[in-house]
Amino acid sequence: MPPTHDPRLTEIIKAHQGFEGPLLPILHAVQTEWGHVPADAHDAIAAALNISKAEVHGVVTFYHDFKEVPGGRHQLRLCRAEACQAMGADMLADQARRRLGLDWHQTSADGRVTLEPVFCLGLCAVAPAAQIDGRGVARVDTARLDALIDEVLA
């Protein structure tokens, strides 16, 4: 986790500060650099952009792509939106939590996988949907979910 005055954090902020609407590009760059957006970076970002720390925190917590703590090496996301729920997503969620021994937003003790709920992956027509390490997976059934879980546990 970088300290507030980390030179790399300062470089990232300066590189994006001249953009219109620089907050999202800065947050993406910070997450790319450290794997998450550390809370102690919020102050420096807010000060540089002349916005409140609460605004930075609000954006970080609003978008599911931003993490406040480091996640696992693999990210398994299951869609929790209505179309997916109508097609059996609740059963799949129970299966994933049971198999991984995790609840939402938890990371396995070995750091291998983080289980995340997502409220729409944009794959409604081919629900239920999942995402593994950024790759969308459509028409997930119990067998396909088991294969995804085997993939992250391998």
Protein backbone atom coordinates (compact mmCIF):
# COMPACT_ATOMS: atom_id res chain seq x y z
CA MET A 1 0.00 0.00 0.00
CA PRO A 2 1.57 3.33 -0.97
CA PRO A 3 1.90 6.10 1.59
CA THR A 4 0.14 9.38 0.83
CA HIS A 5 3.42 10.95 -0.28
CA ASP A 6 4.63 8.04 -2.42
CA PRO A 7 6.52 9.44 -5.42
CA ARG A 8 4.71 7.11 -7.81
CA LEU A 9 1.33 8.37 -6.57
CA THR A 10 2.48 11.94 -7.18
CA GLU A 11 3.59 10.99 -10.72
CA ILE A 12 0.23 9.38 -11.48
CA ILE A 13 -1.71 12.40 -10.26
CA LYS A 14 0.47 14.85 -12.21
CA ALA A 15 0.22 12.76 -15.39
CA HIS A 16 -3.58 12.96 -15.34
CA GLN A 17 -4.24 16.28 -13.63
CA GLY A 18 -4.54 18.25 -16.87
CA PHE A 19 -7.27 16.00 -18.27
CA GLU A 20 -10.90 16.99 -18.17
CA GLY A 21 -12.48 14.79 -15.51
CA PRO A 22 -9.18 13.36 -14.22
CA LEU A 23 -10.53 11.44 -11.21
CA LEU A 24 -11.44 8.19 -12.97
CA PRO A 25 -8.19 7.98 -14.98
CA ILE A 26 -6.21 8.64 -11.79
CA LEU A 27 -8.11 5.95 -9.88
CA HIS A 28 -7.61 3.43 -12.71
CA ALA A 29 -3.88 4.19 -12.82
CA VAL A 30 -3.56 3.87 -9.04
CA GLN A 31 -5.37 0.55 -9.09
CA THR A 32 -3.18 -0.68 -11.95
CA GLU A 33 -0.09 0.28 -9.97
CA TRP A 34 -1.06 -1.22 -6.59
CA GLY A 35 -3.93 -3.61 -7.37
CA HIS A 36 -6.37 -1.47 -5.39
CA VAL A 37 -7.03 2.16 -4.45
CA PRO A 38 -5.60 2.50 -0.95
CA ALA A 39 -7.54 4.70 1.45
CA ASP A 40 -4.42 6.69 2.25
CA ALA A 41 -4.21 7.75 -1.42
CA HIS A 42 -7.63 9.43 -1.22
CA ASP A 43 -6.27 12.49 0.60
CA ALA A 44 -3.56 13.20 -1.96
CA ILE A 45 -5.94 12.70 -4.89
CA ALA A 46 -8.61 14.91 -3.32
CA ALA A 47 -6.13 17.67 -2.52
CA ALA A 48 -4.63 17.64 -6.02
CA LEU A 49 -8.06 17.81 -7.68
CA ASN A 50 -9.52 20.30 -5.19
CA ILE A 51 -12.36 17.95 -4.27
CA SER A 52 -13.32 16.39 -0.98
CA LYS A 53 -11.97 13.09 0.28
CA ALA A 54 -15.63 12.00 0.49
CA GLU A 55 -16.00 12.54 -3.27
CA VAL A 56 -13.00 10.33 -3.98
CA HIS A 57 -14.29 7.69 -1.58
CA GLY A 58 -17.76 7.89 -3.15
CA VAL A 59 -16.41 7.19 -6.62
CA VAL A 60 -14.17 4.34 -5.41
CA THR A 61 -17.05 2.65 -3.61
CA PHE A 62 -19.63 3.29 -6.35
CA TYR A 63 -17.80 1.48 -9.16
CA HIS A 64 -17.37 -2.25 -8.63
CA ASP A 65 -14.11 -2.26 -10.61
CA PHE A 66 -12.30 -0.31 -7.91
CA LYS A 67 -11.03 -2.18 -4.87
CA GLU A 68 -10.18 -0.62 -1.53
CA VAL A 69 -8.11 -3.61 -0.46
CA PRO A 70 -6.05 -5.96 -2.60
CA GLY A 71 -8.07 -8.84 -4.04
CA GLY A 72 -7.07 -12.36 -4.91
CA ARG A 73 -5.01 -13.32 -7.93
CA HIS A 74 -8.29 -14.29 -9.61
CA GLN A 75 -11.55 -12.36 -9.51
CA LEU A 76 -14.76 -14.38 -9.87
CA ARG A 77 -17.75 -12.11 -10.32
CA LEU A 78 -21.31 -13.33 -10.51
CA CYS A 79 -24.10 -11.16 -11.86
CA ARG A 80 -26.78 -10.38 -9.29
CA ALA A 81 -29.09 -8.31 -11.54
CA GLU A 82 -32.70 -9.19 -12.24
CA ALA A 83 -32.24 -10.95 -15.59
CA CYS A 84 -29.61 -13.26 -14.15
CA GLN A 85 -31.64 -13.86 -11.00
CA ALA A 86 -34.60 -14.87 -13.16
CA MET A 87 -32.36 -17.44 -14.85
CA GLY A 88 -30.99 -19.08 -11.70
CA ALA A 89 -28.22 -16.80 -10.46
CA ASP A 90 -29.21 -17.23 -6.81
CA MET A 91 -28.58 -20.96 -7.02
CA LEU A 92 -25.23 -20.32 -8.70
CA ALA A 93 -24.27 -17.79 -6.04
CA ASP A 94 -25.02 -20.33 -3.32
CA GLN A 95 -22.97 -22.93 -5.18
CA ALA A 96 -19.98 -20.59 -5.57
CA ARG A 97 -20.03 -19.48 -1.94
CA ARG A 98 -20.30 -23.09 -0.77
CA ARG A 99 -17.52 -24.40 -3.05
CA LEU A 100 -15.12 -21.56 -2.33
CA GLY A 101 -16.00 -21.25 1.36
CA LEU A 102 -16.32 -17.50 0.82
CA ASP A 103 -18.99 -14.88 1.06
CA TRP A 104 -19.29 -11.82 -1.15
CA HIS A 105 -16.22 -9.54 -1.17
CA GLN A 106 -14.07 -12.15 0.53
CA THR A 107 -10.72 -13.46 -0.63
CA SER A 108 -9.51 -16.98 0.05
CA ALA A 109 -6.89 -17.34 2.78
CA ASP A 110 -4.28 -18.32 0.19
CA GLY A 111 -5.03 -15.16 -1.83
CA ARG A 112 -6.04 -17.20 -4.84
CA VAL A 113 -9.58 -15.95 -5.49
CA THR A 114 -11.95 -13.12 -4.58
CA LEU A 115 -15.71 -13.59 -4.95
CA GLU A 116 -17.61 -10.49 -5.98
CA PRO A 117 -21.24 -9.71 -6.77
CA VAL A 118 -21.79 -7.53 -9.84
CA PHE A 119 -25.00 -5.74 -10.63
CA CYS A 120 -25.10 -6.26 -14.39
CA LEU A 121 -22.41 -7.44 -16.73
CA GLY A 122 -24.44 -6.45 -19.78
CA LEU A 123 -25.03 -10.07 -20.76
CA CYS A 124 -28.73 -10.09 -19.92
CA ALA A 125 -29.76 -11.88 -23.13
CA VAL A 126 -27.47 -14.79 -22.27
CA ALA A 127 -28.09 -14.93 -18.51
CA PRO A 128 -26.98 -16.00 -16.04
CA ALA A 129 -23.58 -14.39 -16.46
CA ALA A 130 -20.25 -14.42 -14.69
CA GLN A 131 -16.86 -12.86 -15.15
CA ILE A 132 -13.52 -14.45 -14.46
CA ASP A 133 -10.48 -12.16 -14.43
CA GLY A 134 -12.31 -9.69 -16.67
CA ARG A 135 -13.54 -12.28 -19.18
CA GLY A 136 -17.31 -12.51 -19.53
CA VAL A 137 -18.96 -15.91 -19.39
CA ALA A 138 -22.53 -16.38 -20.61
CA ARG A 139 -25.19 -19.00 -19.94
CA VAL A 140 -23.54 -20.17 -16.75
CA ASP A 141 -25.00 -23.35 -15.33
CA THR A 142 -23.82 -25.48 -12.42
CA ALA A 143 -21.33 -27.43 -14.55
CA ARG A 144 -19.90 -24.30 -16.13
CA LEU A 145 -19.59 -22.62 -12.73
CA ASP A 146 -17.76 -25.67 -11.38
CA ALA A 147 -15.35 -25.42 -14.33
CA LEU A 148 -14.73 -21.72 -13.59
CA ILE A 149 -14.09 -22.47 -9.94
CA ASP A 150 -11.74 -25.33 -10.90
CA GLU A 151 -9.92 -22.85 -13.14
CA VAL A 152 -9.27 -20.38 -10.33
CA LEU A 153 -8.35 -23.09 -7.85
CA ALA A 154 -5.87 -24.79 -10.20
